[in-house]
Amino acid sequence: MKLHHTYFYHPDFVENNTAVIEYFENQEISMQKIQNALGRAERFIVPQDSYETTLSMGIEAAKGVFNKSNISILDIDIIIFVSSSPEHHIPCDAIQIHHALEGKPDTLCYDINANCIGAFIALDQVSKYLKGTRSGTKALVVCAEKFSGILDPDNPTTAFGFSDSAFAFIVENDGDDTSGLIDVLYHTDSSFCNTVLYPPKGSSDHHHGDLATWDRIFDGMGSVNFALENIPLFLKRNQISLEQIDLFLFSQFSIKNINTIRDYFQLPEGKIPFYSKELGYTGASSPFLALDQYQKEVKSLKKGDYILIWTLGTGYQAGLMLWKY
C-alpha cells in the first residue's frame, strides 16, 4: 500500500494574527495563554468577495496532486471527500469532484464528515477496502475546509487559529503487503458532544449567518491523555518500540498538546513536525499536511519507515494509527 502523493492548496490571502491578537488585548482579553497553547502566526483566509468555496479548493487540490504525480483521474477508482463545511449535501461533493475532473464511470464516490479526524478515518477505511481489491486500484482523498465562514471571529479560541485550505492525497494498492496500514485504535468520549456545535441549534433551526459555538472546556486534553496511556500499549501489541518510529504525525491543532506528548515520552523534537504556526490549522488534513511539509522541508521518507499518527475530532474522538511507508 502506498501513500506517496500529496498536494496542499490554499487561498492567496494570508492573515497575520498580530492584529487579531491586538483586537482582543484591547478588550482586556489576555491572548498569551491561548497563543502559547495553539502556536499561531499566520493563516490562509478566503476573502468575503472571493469565488472560492470548499468544493472549488478541493478540486484545485485534486488537480495539483494529479499534476505532481502524473496520475490521471482515469486511474482513480475511489474518490472520498472529507469536510466539516461541504458546499453541498445533495449530491455529495465527491460526485461534484468526479464530474469536474471527468472521472470514469466505475468510480466509488462518497463524503466523510468526522470533523478533524476525518482524513485519518478515510485513510483507515480506504486502506482496508483497497487491500481486498486488485493490485493497482487507486483512491483519491480530498480534504477541504472553509472555516472562515462558520467560525466566530469574536471567540478568541477560534478567531485566529484556523486556515481555509484543501489537501489531496492518493492511496494505491501496489500489491506490496509489507507497507501500508499496520494497526489503528480509536477512542470516543461523547460527553463532549455539545461543546462545539454547528449549526448551533441544529439544521432544524438553522439561520443564515449562524456561527459555530465553541465551549473552551473542550481543549483536546482528553485525547492527549488517551495518547499518553495508549501509545506504549498500541506499539507493544504491534511489536514496535518508540525508538523505531521514524516520524510522529500528530494533530496540528495545539503545540501545547504536541509538547506534552513529546516531553512525556522524551521524543526527539525533529521527529515531530509542527506547521500550524506558519500555515494555520487545516482541520482533518493537518497530520497529512505535516507529512507533506516535512518531506519538502526536512527529508523524504524511505521505504520501510514507520509513522505513528495521533489526531482527534470534536465531540470527541481520537485515534492512533501505525503506518509503514
C-alpha atoms as a PDB file:
ATOM      1  CA  MET A   1       0.000   0.000   0.000  1.00  0.00           C
ATOM      2  CA  LYS A   2       1.384   3.392  -0.975  1.00  0.00           C
ATOM      3  CA  LEU A   3       0.710   6.900   0.300  1.00  0.00           C
ATOM      4  CA  HIS A   4       3.290   8.731  -1.787  1.00  0.00           C
ATOM      5  CA  HIS A   5       1.470  11.630  -3.471  1.00  0.00           C
ATOM      6  CA  THR A   6       0.202  14.724  -1.610  1.00  0.00           C
ATOM      7  CA  TYR A   7      -0.745  18.289  -2.531  1.00  0.00           C
ATOM      8  CA  PHE A   8      -1.642  21.354  -0.450  1.00  0.00           C
ATOM      9  CA  TYR A   9      -3.826  24.127  -1.875  1.00  0.00           C
ATOM     10  CA  HIS A  10      -4.685  27.374  -0.105  1.00  0.00           C
ATOM     11  CA  PRO A  11      -6.094  30.831  -0.940  1.00  0.00           C
ATOM     12  CA  ASP A  12      -3.648  33.603  -1.784  1.00  0.00           C
ATOM     13  CA  PHE A  13      -4.715  35.834   1.093  1.00  0.00           C
ATOM     14  CA  VAL A  14      -2.635  35.448   4.257  1.00  0.00           C
ATOM     15  CA  GLU A  15      -3.783  36.981   7.521  1.00  0.00           C
ATOM     16  CA  ASN A  16      -1.166  37.811  10.128  1.00  0.00           C
ATOM     17  CA  ASN A  17      -2.539  37.139  13.577  1.00  0.00           C
ATOM     18  CA  THR A  18      -0.859  40.119  15.235  1.00  0.00           C
ATOM     19  CA  ALA A  19      -3.826  42.400  14.520  1.00  0.00           C
ATOM     20  CA  VAL A  20      -6.316  39.769  15.699  1.00  0.00           C
ATOM     21  CA  ILE A  21      -4.447  39.291  18.969  1.00  0.00           C
ATOM     22  CA  GLU A  22      -4.250  43.065  19.495  1.00  0.00           C
ATOM     23  CA  TYR A  23      -8.025  43.279  18.927  1.00  0.00           C
ATOM     24  CA  PHE A  24      -8.646  41.011  21.916  1.00  0.00           C
ATOM     25  CA  GLU A  25      -5.914  42.505  24.054  1.00  0.00           C
ATOM     26  CA  ASN A  26      -7.546  45.936  23.599  1.00  0.00           C
ATOM     27  CA  GLN A  27     -10.681  44.397  25.134  1.00  0.00           C
ATOM     28  CA  GLU A  28      -8.549  43.247  28.080  1.00  0.00           C
ATOM     29  CA  ILE A  29      -8.798  39.628  26.963  1.00  0.00           C
ATOM     30  CA  SER A  30      -5.412  38.022  27.543  1.00  0.00           C
ATOM     31  CA  MET A  31      -4.315  36.071  24.465  1.00  0.00           C
ATOM     32  CA  GLN A  32      -0.919  34.919  25.701  1.00  0.00           C
ATOM     33  CA  LYS A  33      -2.163  31.658  27.204  1.00  0.00           C
ATOM     34  CA  ILE A  34      -4.188  30.784  24.075  1.00  0.00           C
ATOM     35  CA  GLN A  35      -1.306  31.740  21.793  1.00  0.00           C
ATOM     36  CA  ASN A  36       1.134  29.639  23.819  1.00  0.00           C
ATOM     37  CA  ALA A  37      -1.239  26.667  23.636  1.00  0.00           C
ATOM     38  CA  LEU A  38      -2.067  26.864  19.938  1.00  0.00           C
ATOM     39  CA  GLY A  39       1.086  28.389  18.457  1.00  0.00           C
ATOM     40  CA  ARG A  40      -0.076  30.554  15.529  1.00  0.00           C
ATOM     41  CA  ALA A  41       1.400  33.368  13.456  1.00  0.00           C
ATOM     42  CA  GLU A  42      -0.398  33.311  10.099  1.00  0.00           C
ATOM     43  CA  ARG A  43      -3.268  31.595   8.336  1.00  0.00           C
ATOM     44  CA  PHE A  44      -4.969  31.473   4.953  1.00  0.00           C
ATOM     45  CA  ILE A  45      -8.390  33.071   4.515  1.00  0.00           C
ATOM     46  CA  VAL A  46     -10.875  33.143   1.626  1.00  0.00           C
ATOM     47  CA  PRO A  47     -11.844  36.840   1.280  1.00  0.00           C
ATOM     48  CA  GLN A  48     -15.570  37.585   1.504  1.00  0.00           C
ATOM     49  CA  ASP A  49     -15.716  38.726  -2.130  1.00  0.00           C
ATOM     50  CA  SER A  50     -13.918  35.622  -3.423  1.00  0.00           C
ATOM     51  CA  TYR A  51     -15.462  32.947  -5.620  1.00  0.00           C
ATOM     52  CA  GLU A  52     -13.613  30.199  -3.750  1.00  0.00           C
ATOM     53  CA  THR A  53     -15.591  27.555  -1.891  1.00  0.00           C
ATOM     54  CA  THR A  54     -14.741  24.392  -0.036  1.00  0.00           C
ATOM     55  CA  LEU A  55     -15.512  22.477  -3.223  1.00  0.00           C
ATOM     56  CA  SER A  56     -13.502  24.695  -5.578  1.00  0.00           C
ATOM     57  CA  MET A  57     -10.472  24.457  -3.289  1.00  0.00           C
ATOM     58  CA  GLY A  58     -10.873  20.685  -3.151  1.00  0.00           C
ATOM     59  CA  ILE A  59     -10.930  20.496  -6.947  1.00  0.00           C
ATOM     60  CA  GLU A  60      -7.740  22.573  -7.138  1.00  0.00           C
ATOM     61  CA  ALA A  61      -6.023  20.291  -4.618  1.00  0.00           C
ATOM     62  CA  ALA A  62      -7.054  17.253  -6.656  1.00  0.00           C
ATOM     63  CA  LYS A  63      -5.718  18.823  -9.866  1.00  0.00           C
ATOM     64  CA  GLY A  64      -2.483  19.594  -8.062  1.00  0.00           C
ATOM     65  CA  VAL A  65      -1.898  16.056  -6.857  1.00  0.00           C
ATOM     66  CA  PHE A  66      -2.556  14.696 -10.355  1.00  0.00           C
ATOM     67  CA  ASN A  67      -0.084  17.130 -11.917  1.00  0.00           C
ATOM     68  CA  LYS A  68       2.515  16.356  -9.283  1.00  0.00           C
ATOM     69  CA  SER A  69       2.144  12.584  -9.518  1.00  0.00           C
ATOM     70  CA  ASN A  70       1.478  12.185 -13.253  1.00  0.00           C
ATOM     71  CA  ILE A  71      -1.507  10.035 -12.296  1.00  0.00           C
ATOM     72  CA  SER A  72      -4.702  10.564 -14.277  1.00  0.00           C
ATOM     73  CA  ILE A  73      -8.218  10.933 -12.911  1.00  0.00           C
ATOM     74  CA  LEU A  74      -8.997   7.929 -15.119  1.00  0.00           C
ATOM     75  CA  ASP A  75      -6.708   5.853 -12.881  1.00  0.00           C
ATOM     76  CA  ILE A  76      -8.784   6.697  -9.803  1.00  0.00           C
ATOM     77  CA  ASP A  77     -11.290   4.087  -8.614  1.00  0.00           C
ATOM     78  CA  ILE A  78     -12.460   5.788  -5.399  1.00  0.00           C
ATOM     79  CA  ILE A  79     -12.984   9.450  -4.508  1.00  0.00           C
ATOM     80  CA  ILE A  80     -13.500  10.400  -0.857  1.00  0.00           C
ATOM     81  CA  PHE A  81     -14.229  13.996   0.092  1.00  0.00           C
ATOM     82  CA  VAL A  82     -13.539  14.949   3.715  1.00  0.00           C
ATOM     83  CA  SER A  83     -15.087  18.150   5.089  1.00  0.00           C
ATOM     84  CA  SER A  84     -16.970  19.674   8.012  1.00  0.00           C
ATOM     85  CA  SER A  85     -18.068  22.549   5.776  1.00  0.00           C
ATOM     86  CA  PRO A  86     -19.083  20.957   2.447  1.00  0.00           C
ATOM     87  CA  GLU A  87     -20.548  23.071  -0.309  1.00  0.00           C
ATOM     88  CA  HIS A  88     -23.336  20.540  -0.894  1.00  0.00           C
ATOM     89  CA  HIS A  89     -25.119  17.809   0.982  1.00  0.00           C
ATOM     90  CA  ILE A  90     -27.010  16.519  -2.062  1.00  0.00           C
ATOM     91  CA  PRO A  91     -25.300  15.205  -4.099  1.00  0.00           C
ATOM     92  CA  CYS A  92     -22.160  14.567  -2.130  1.00  0.00           C
ATOM     93  CA  ASP A  93     -19.199  16.737  -3.102  1.00  0.00           C
ATOM     94  CA  ALA A  94     -17.149  13.678  -4.065  1.00  0.00           C
ATOM     95  CA  ILE A  95     -19.534  13.334  -7.024  1.00  0.00           C
ATOM     96  CA  GLN A  96     -19.032  17.030  -7.813  1.00  0.00           C
ATOM     97  CA  ILE A  97     -15.267  16.448  -7.874  1.00  0.00           C
ATOM     98  CA  HIS A  98     -15.750  13.399 -10.085  1.00  0.00           C
ATOM     99  CA  HIS A  99     -17.797  15.490 -12.519  1.00  0.00           C
ATOM    100  CA  ALA A 100     -15.417  18.458 -12.527  1.00  0.00           C
ATOM    101  CA  LEU A 101     -12.397  16.283 -13.267  1.00  0.00           C
ATOM    102  CA  GLU A 102     -14.239  13.922 -15.649  1.00  0.00           C
ATOM    103  CA  GLY A 103     -13.703  10.734 -13.710  1.00  0.00           C
ATOM    104  CA  LYS A 104     -14.522   7.328 -15.169  1.00  0.00           C
ATOM    105  CA  PRO A 105     -17.954   5.722 -14.635  1.00  0.00           C
ATOM    106  CA  ASP A 106     -16.729   2.825 -12.493  1.00  0.00           C
ATOM    107  CA  THR A 107     -15.747   5.051  -9.552  1.00  0.00           C
ATOM    108  CA  LEU A 108     -16.960   4.880  -5.954  1.00  0.00           C
ATOM    109  CA  CYS A 109     -17.670   8.368  -4.531  1.00  0.00           C
ATOM    110  CA  TYR A 110     -18.630   9.360  -1.012  1.00  0.00           C
ATOM    111  CA  ASP A 111     -18.165  12.118   1.578  1.00  0.00           C
ATOM    112  CA  ILE A 112     -16.975  11.875   5.186  1.00  0.00           C
ATOM    113  CA  ASN A 113     -17.735  14.356   7.937  1.00  0.00           C
ATOM    114  CA  ALA A 114     -15.939  13.305  11.099  1.00  0.00           C
ATOM    115  CA  ASN A 115     -14.535  16.765  11.781  1.00  0.00           C
ATOM    116  CA  CYS A 116     -10.802  16.905  12.387  1.00  0.00           C
ATOM    117  CA  ILE A 117     -10.293  13.129  12.446  1.00  0.00           C
ATOM    118  CA  GLY A 118     -11.960  12.701   9.049  1.00  0.00           C
ATOM    119  CA  ALA A 119      -8.859  12.163   6.883  1.00  0.00           C
ATOM    120  CA  PHE A 120      -7.494   9.690   9.437  1.00  0.00           C
ATOM    121  CA  ILE A 121     -10.723   7.679   9.166  1.00  0.00           C
ATOM    122  CA  ALA A 122     -10.707   7.974   5.370  1.00  0.00           C
ATOM    123  CA  LEU A 123      -7.182   6.537   5.197  1.00  0.00           C
ATOM    124  CA  ASP A 124      -8.147   3.727   7.572  1.00  0.00           C
ATOM    125  CA  GLN A 125     -11.265   2.836   5.573  1.00  0.00           C
ATOM    126  CA  VAL A 126      -9.775   3.101   2.114  1.00  0.00           C
ATOM    127  CA  SER A 127      -6.662   1.113   3.080  1.00  0.00           C
ATOM    128  CA  LYS A 128      -8.805  -1.787   4.270  1.00  0.00           C
ATOM    129  CA  TYR A 129     -11.014  -1.525   1.163  1.00  0.00           C
ATOM    130  CA  LEU A 130      -8.048  -1.458  -1.204  1.00  0.00           C
ATOM    131  CA  LYS A 131      -6.458  -4.437   0.498  1.00  0.00           C
ATOM    132  CA  GLY A 132      -9.389  -6.538  -0.672  1.00  0.00           C
ATOM    133  CA  THR A 133      -9.235  -5.311  -4.276  1.00  0.00           C
ATOM    134  CA  ARG A 134      -6.967  -5.933  -7.233  1.00  0.00           C
ATOM    135  CA  SER A 135      -3.440  -4.566  -7.359  1.00  0.00           C
ATOM    136  CA  GLY A 136      -3.275  -1.150  -9.000  1.00  0.00           C
ATOM    137  CA  THR A 137      -6.519   0.169  -7.522  1.00  0.00           C
ATOM    138  CA  LYS A 138      -6.139   3.812  -6.510  1.00  0.00           C
ATOM    139  CA  ALA A 139      -8.107   6.141  -4.237  1.00  0.00           C
ATOM    140  CA  LEU A 140      -8.164   9.930  -4.160  1.00  0.00           C
ATOM    141  CA  VAL A 141      -8.798  11.527  -0.757  1.00  0.00           C
ATOM    142  CA  VAL A 142      -9.588  15.252  -0.808  1.00  0.00           C
ATOM    143  CA  CYS A 143      -9.878  17.299   2.394  1.00  0.00           C
ATOM    144  CA  ALA A 144     -11.172  20.878   2.309  1.00  0.00           C
ATOM    145  CA  GLU A 145     -12.460  23.418   4.797  1.00  0.00           C
ATOM    146  CA  LYS A 146     -13.726  26.978   4.603  1.00  0.00           C
ATOM    147  CA  PHE A 147     -13.619  27.643   8.323  1.00  0.00           C
ATOM    148  CA  SER A 148     -13.807  31.421   7.950  1.00  0.00           C
ATOM    149  CA  GLY A 149     -17.486  31.224   7.046  1.00  0.00           C
ATOM    150  CA  ILE A 150     -18.639  29.321  10.125  1.00  0.00           C
ATOM    151  CA  LEU A 151     -16.285  30.212  12.999  1.00  0.00           C
ATOM    152  CA  ASP A 152     -16.958  33.110  15.373  1.00  0.00           C
ATOM    153  CA  PRO A 153     -14.445  35.977  14.901  1.00  0.00           C
ATOM    154  CA  ASP A 154     -15.279  37.195  18.417  1.00  0.00           C
ATOM    155  CA  ASN A 155     -14.326  33.927  20.082  1.00  0.00           C
ATOM    156  CA  PRO A 156     -10.611  34.137  20.987  1.00  0.00           C
ATOM    157  CA  THR A 157     -10.184  30.380  20.611  1.00  0.00           C
ATOM    158  CA  THR A 158     -11.366  30.301  17.004  1.00  0.00           C
ATOM    159  CA  ALA A 159     -10.665  33.838  15.792  1.00  0.00           C
ATOM    160  CA  PHE A 160      -7.037  33.353  14.821  1.00  0.00           C
ATOM    161  CA  GLY A 161      -6.409  29.618  14.662  1.00  0.00           C
ATOM    162  CA  PHE A 162      -7.937  28.128  11.530  1.00  0.00           C
ATOM    163  CA  SER A 163      -6.996  28.197   7.847  1.00  0.00           C
ATOM    164  CA  ASP A 164      -9.170  27.863   4.768  1.00  0.00           C
ATOM    165  CA  SER A 165      -7.469  25.258   2.597  1.00  0.00           C
ATOM    166  CA  ALA A 166      -7.601  21.959   0.751  1.00  0.00           C
ATOM    167  CA  PHE A 167      -5.362  18.935   0.705  1.00  0.00           C
ATOM    168  CA  ALA A 168      -5.338  15.860  -1.536  1.00  0.00           C
ATOM    169  CA  PHE A 169      -3.523  12.555  -1.371  1.00  0.00           C
ATOM    170  CA  ILE A 170      -3.568   9.317  -3.359  1.00  0.00           C
ATOM    171  CA  VAL A 171      -3.559   5.853  -1.809  1.00  0.00           C
ATOM    172  CA  GLU A 172      -2.660   2.927  -4.042  1.00  0.00           C
ATOM    173  CA  ASN A 173      -2.789  -0.824  -3.650  1.00  0.00           C
ATOM    174  CA  ASP A 174       0.589  -1.587  -5.198  1.00  0.00           C
ATOM    175  CA  GLY A 175       0.463  -5.250  -4.226  1.00  0.00           C
ATOM    176  CA  ASP A 176       3.121  -4.819  -1.543  1.00  0.00           C
ATOM    177  CA  ASP A 177       1.813  -6.252   1.735  1.00  0.00           C
ATOM    178  CA  THR A 178       4.922  -5.148   3.621  1.00  0.00           C
ATOM    179  CA  SER A 179       3.876  -1.472   3.565  1.00  0.00           C
ATOM    180  CA  GLY A 180       0.746   0.474   4.472  1.00  0.00           C
ATOM    181  CA  LEU A 181      -1.655   0.302   7.397  1.00  0.00           C
ATOM    182  CA  ILE A 182      -0.459  -1.882  10.258  1.00  0.00           C
ATOM    183  CA  ASP A 183      -2.942  -1.073  13.011  1.00  0.00           C
ATOM    184  CA  VAL A 184      -5.421   1.519  14.248  1.00  0.00           C
ATOM    185  CA  LEU A 185      -7.008   2.312  17.598  1.00  0.00           C
ATOM    186  CA  TYR A 186      -9.965   4.626  18.319  1.00  0.00           C
ATOM    187  CA  HIS A 187     -11.277   6.303  21.463  1.00  0.00           C
ATOM    188  CA  THR A 188     -14.579   8.195  21.799  1.00  0.00           C
ATOM    189  CA  ASP A 189     -15.800  10.312  24.709  1.00  0.00           C
ATOM    190  CA  SER A 190     -19.211  11.594  23.634  1.00  0.00           C
ATOM    191  CA  SER A 191     -19.721  13.562  26.873  1.00  0.00           C
ATOM    192  CA  PHE A 192     -18.179  16.453  24.884  1.00  0.00           C
ATOM    193  CA  CYS A 193     -20.754  16.190  22.090  1.00  0.00           C
ATOM    194  CA  ASN A 194     -22.256  19.643  22.767  1.00  0.00           C
ATOM    195  CA  THR A 195     -19.066  21.642  23.364  1.00  0.00           C
ATOM    196  CA  VAL A 196     -18.502  22.507  19.682  1.00  0.00           C
ATOM    197  CA  LEU A 197     -21.644  22.824  17.578  1.00  0.00           C
ATOM    198  CA  TYR A 198     -22.546  23.899  14.056  1.00  0.00           C
ATOM    199  CA  PRO A 199     -25.275  24.747  13.308  1.00  0.00           C
ATOM    200  CA  PRO A 200     -25.570  25.851  16.943  1.00  0.00           C
ATOM    201  CA  LYS A 201     -29.213  24.694  17.214  1.00  0.00           C
ATOM    202  CA  GLY A 202     -29.094  22.014  14.541  1.00  0.00           C
ATOM    203  CA  SER A 203     -30.250  22.081  10.930  1.00  0.00           C
ATOM    204  CA  SER A 204     -33.902  22.151  12.008  1.00  0.00           C
ATOM    205  CA  ASP A 205     -33.362  25.648  13.475  1.00  0.00           C
ATOM    206  CA  HIS A 206     -30.575  26.930  11.237  1.00  0.00           C
ATOM    207  CA  HIS A 207     -30.478  30.578  10.152  1.00  0.00           C
ATOM    208  CA  HIS A 208     -28.269  32.357   7.652  1.00  0.00           C
ATOM    209  CA  GLY A 209     -25.227  33.766   9.406  1.00  0.00           C
ATOM    210  CA  ASP A 210     -25.234  31.264  12.270  1.00  0.00           C
ATOM    211  CA  LEU A 211     -21.751  30.574  13.605  1.00  0.00           C
ATOM    212  CA  ALA A 212     -20.285  27.587  15.384  1.00  0.00           C
ATOM    213  CA  THR A 213     -20.324  27.654  19.176  1.00  0.00           C
ATOM    214  CA  TRP A 214     -17.142  26.592  20.960  1.00  0.00           C
ATOM    215  CA  ASP A 215     -17.035  25.993  24.684  1.00  0.00           C
ATOM    216  CA  ARG A 216     -13.489  26.459  25.939  1.00  0.00           C
ATOM    217  CA  ILE A 217     -13.791  23.445  28.229  1.00  0.00           C
ATOM    218  CA  PHE A 218     -13.002  21.416  25.102  1.00  0.00           C
ATOM    219  CA  ASP A 219      -9.237  21.744  24.699  1.00  0.00           C
ATOM    220  CA  GLY A 220      -8.375  18.268  23.445  1.00  0.00           C
ATOM    221  CA  MET A 221      -6.649  17.222  26.663  1.00  0.00           C
ATOM    222  CA  GLY A 222      -8.734  14.068  26.899  1.00  0.00           C
ATOM    223  CA  SER A 223      -7.245  12.932  23.595  1.00  0.00           C
ATOM    224  CA  VAL A 224      -3.772  13.763  24.910  1.00  0.00           C
ATOM    225  CA  ASN A 225      -4.363  11.524  27.921  1.00  0.00           C
ATOM    226  CA  PHE A 226      -5.595   8.823  25.538  1.00  0.00           C
ATOM    227  CA  ALA A 227      -2.291   9.095  23.650  1.00  0.00           C
ATOM    228  CA  LEU A 228      -0.168   9.048  26.812  1.00  0.00           C
ATOM    229  CA  GLU A 229      -1.930   5.959  28.131  1.00  0.00           C
ATOM    230  CA  ASN A 230      -2.242   4.023  24.903  1.00  0.00           C
ATOM    231  CA  ILE A 231       0.811   4.692  22.741  1.00  0.00           C
ATOM    232  CA  PRO A 232       3.007   2.207  24.680  1.00  0.00           C
ATOM    233  CA  LEU A 233       0.285  -0.477  24.647  1.00  0.00           C
ATOM    234  CA  PHE A 234      -0.532   0.177  20.983  1.00  0.00           C
ATOM    235  CA  LEU A 235       3.090  -0.172  19.908  1.00  0.00           C
ATOM    236  CA  LYS A 236       3.669  -3.184  22.162  1.00  0.00           C
ATOM    237  CA  ARG A 237       0.815  -5.131  20.562  1.00  0.00           C
ATOM    238  CA  ASN A 238       2.471  -4.482  17.198  1.00  0.00           C
ATOM    239  CA  GLN A 239       5.944  -5.360  18.493  1.00  0.00           C
ATOM    240  CA  ILE A 240       7.298  -1.896  17.667  1.00  0.00           C
ATOM    241  CA  SER A 241       9.283   0.357  20.024  1.00  0.00           C
ATOM    242  CA  LEU A 242       9.098   4.142  20.223  1.00  0.00           C
ATOM    243  CA  GLU A 243      12.696   4.271  19.018  1.00  0.00           C
ATOM    244  CA  GLN A 244      11.694   2.510  15.793  1.00  0.00           C
ATOM    245  CA  ILE A 245       9.187   5.237  14.847  1.00  0.00           C
ATOM    246  CA  ASP A 246      10.750   7.440  12.154  1.00  0.00           C
ATOM    247  CA  LEU A 247       8.081  10.164  12.125  1.00  0.00           C
ATOM    248  CA  PHE A 248       5.310  11.193  14.514  1.00  0.00           C
ATOM    249  CA  LEU A 249       2.401  12.873  12.708  1.00  0.00           C
ATOM    250  CA  PHE A 250       0.365  14.495  15.453  1.00  0.00           C
ATOM    251  CA  SER A 251      -2.701  16.727  15.212  1.00  0.00           C
ATOM    252  CA  GLN A 252      -1.516  20.234  14.389  1.00  0.00           C
ATOM    253  CA  PHE A 253      -4.253  21.894  16.463  1.00  0.00           C
ATOM    254  CA  SER A 254      -2.151  22.660  19.530  1.00  0.00           C
ATOM    255  CA  ILE A 255       1.599  22.933  20.031  1.00  0.00           C
ATOM    256  CA  LYS A 256       0.981  22.560  23.775  1.00  0.00           C
ATOM    257  CA  ASN A 257      -0.637  19.152  23.263  1.00  0.00           C
ATOM    258  CA  ILE A 258       2.205  18.024  20.997  1.00  0.00           C
ATOM    259  CA  ASN A 259       4.823  19.165  23.508  1.00  0.00           C
ATOM    260  CA  THR A 260       3.020  17.362  26.335  1.00  0.00           C
ATOM    261  CA  ILE A 261       3.243  14.059  24.455  1.00  0.00           C
ATOM    262  CA  ARG A 262       6.807  14.769  23.305  1.00  0.00           C
ATOM    263  CA  ASP A 263       8.042  15.572  26.807  1.00  0.00           C
ATOM    264  CA  TYR A 264       6.249  12.629  28.414  1.00  0.00           C
ATOM    265  CA  PHE A 265       7.934  10.115  26.100  1.00  0.00           C
ATOM    266  CA  GLN A 266      11.134  12.176  25.653  1.00  0.00           C
ATOM    267  CA  LEU A 267      10.749  12.056  21.882  1.00  0.00           C
ATOM    268  CA  PRO A 268      13.223  13.779  19.533  1.00  0.00           C
ATOM    269  CA  GLU A 269      11.795  17.162  18.521  1.00  0.00           C
ATOM    270  CA  GLY A 270      12.977  16.680  14.941  1.00  0.00           C
ATOM    271  CA  LYS A 271      10.671  13.684  14.522  1.00  0.00           C
ATOM    272  CA  ILE A 272       7.514  15.654  15.440  1.00  0.00           C
ATOM    273  CA  PRO A 273       6.848  18.372  12.840  1.00  0.00           C
ATOM    274  CA  PHE A 274       4.546  21.315  13.622  1.00  0.00           C
ATOM    275  CA  TYR A 275       3.490  23.635  10.805  1.00  0.00           C
ATOM    276  CA  SER A 276       0.318  25.325  12.096  1.00  0.00           C
ATOM    277  CA  LYS A 277       2.335  28.358  13.188  1.00  0.00           C
ATOM    278  CA  GLU A 278       3.007  29.299   9.563  1.00  0.00           C
ATOM    279  CA  LEU A 279       0.040  27.633   7.847  1.00  0.00           C
ATOM    280  CA  GLY A 280      -2.761  27.821  10.401  1.00  0.00           C
ATOM    281  CA  TYR A 281      -4.779  24.805  11.468  1.00  0.00           C
ATOM    282  CA  THR A 282      -6.314  22.989   8.492  1.00  0.00           C
ATOM    283  CA  GLY A 283      -8.596  20.524  10.275  1.00  0.00           C
ATOM    284  CA  ALA A 284      -8.772  16.923   9.093  1.00  0.00           C
ATOM    285  CA  SER A 285      -5.779  17.227   6.784  1.00  0.00           C
ATOM    286  CA  SER A 286      -3.415  18.514   9.478  1.00  0.00           C
ATOM    287  CA  PRO A 287      -1.350  15.347  10.209  1.00  0.00           C
ATOM    288  CA  PHE A 288      -1.042  14.633   6.488  1.00  0.00           C
ATOM    289  CA  LEU A 289      -0.126  18.226   5.724  1.00  0.00           C
ATOM    290  CA  ALA A 290       2.637  17.781   8.306  1.00  0.00           C
ATOM    291  CA  LEU A 291       3.833  14.752   6.303  1.00  0.00           C
ATOM    292  CA  ASP A 292       3.785  16.814   3.096  1.00  0.00           C
ATOM    293  CA  GLN A 293       5.697  19.744   4.596  1.00  0.00           C
ATOM    294  CA  TYR A 294       8.197  17.515   6.427  1.00  0.00           C
ATOM    295  CA  GLN A 295       9.153  15.773   3.207  1.00  0.00           C
ATOM    296  CA  LYS A 296       9.522  19.119   1.435  1.00  0.00           C
ATOM    297  CA  GLU A 297      11.487  20.905   4.132  1.00  0.00           C
ATOM    298  CA  VAL A 298      13.350  18.192   6.048  1.00  0.00           C
ATOM    299  CA  LYS A 299      13.779  14.929   4.167  1.00  0.00           C
ATOM    300  CA  SER A 300      11.897  12.312   2.198  1.00  0.00           C
ATOM    301  CA  LEU A 301      10.782   9.162   3.924  1.00  0.00           C
ATOM    302  CA  LYS A 302      12.154   5.901   2.649  1.00  0.00           C
ATOM    303  CA  LYS A 303      10.515   2.536   2.181  1.00  0.00           C
ATOM    304  CA  GLY A 304      10.124   0.731   5.474  1.00  0.00           C
ATOM    305  CA  ASP A 305       9.965   3.839   7.668  1.00  0.00           C
ATOM    306  CA  TYR A 306       7.405   3.688  10.483  1.00  0.00           C
ATOM    307  CA  ILE A 307       4.883   6.505  11.003  1.00  0.00           C
ATOM    308  CA  LEU A 308       2.740   6.961  14.119  1.00  0.00           C
ATOM    309  CA  ILE A 309      -0.314   9.182  13.639  1.00  0.00           C
ATOM    310  CA  TRP A 310      -2.321  10.663  16.511  1.00  0.00           C
ATOM    311  CA  THR A 311      -5.229  13.018  15.949  1.00  0.00           C
ATOM    312  CA  LEU A 312      -8.672  13.943  17.242  1.00  0.00           C
ATOM    313  CA  GLY A 313     -12.042  15.320  16.208  1.00  0.00           C
ATOM    314  CA  THR A 314     -14.532  17.388  18.191  1.00  0.00           C
ATOM    315  CA  GLY A 315     -17.246  15.648  20.098  1.00  0.00           C
ATOM    316  CA  TYR A 316     -14.842  13.951  20.646  1.00  0.00           C
ATOM    317  CA  GLN A 317     -12.992  11.003  19.214  1.00  0.00           C
ATOM    318  CA  ALA A 318      -9.278  10.335  18.898  1.00  0.00           C
ATOM    319  CA  GLY A 319      -7.174   7.774  17.112  1.00  0.00           C
ATOM    320  CA  LEU A 320      -3.754   6.181  16.817  1.00  0.00           C
ATOM    321  CA  MET A 321      -2.517   4.727  13.535  1.00  0.00           C
ATOM    322  CA  LEU A 322       0.653   2.825  12.750  1.00  0.00           C
ATOM    323  CA  TRP A 323       1.695   3.047   9.098  1.00  0.00           C
ATOM    324  CA  LYS A 324       4.694   1.548   7.333  1.00  0.00           C
ATOM    325  CA  TYR A 325       5.882   3.696   4.453  1.00  0.00           C
END
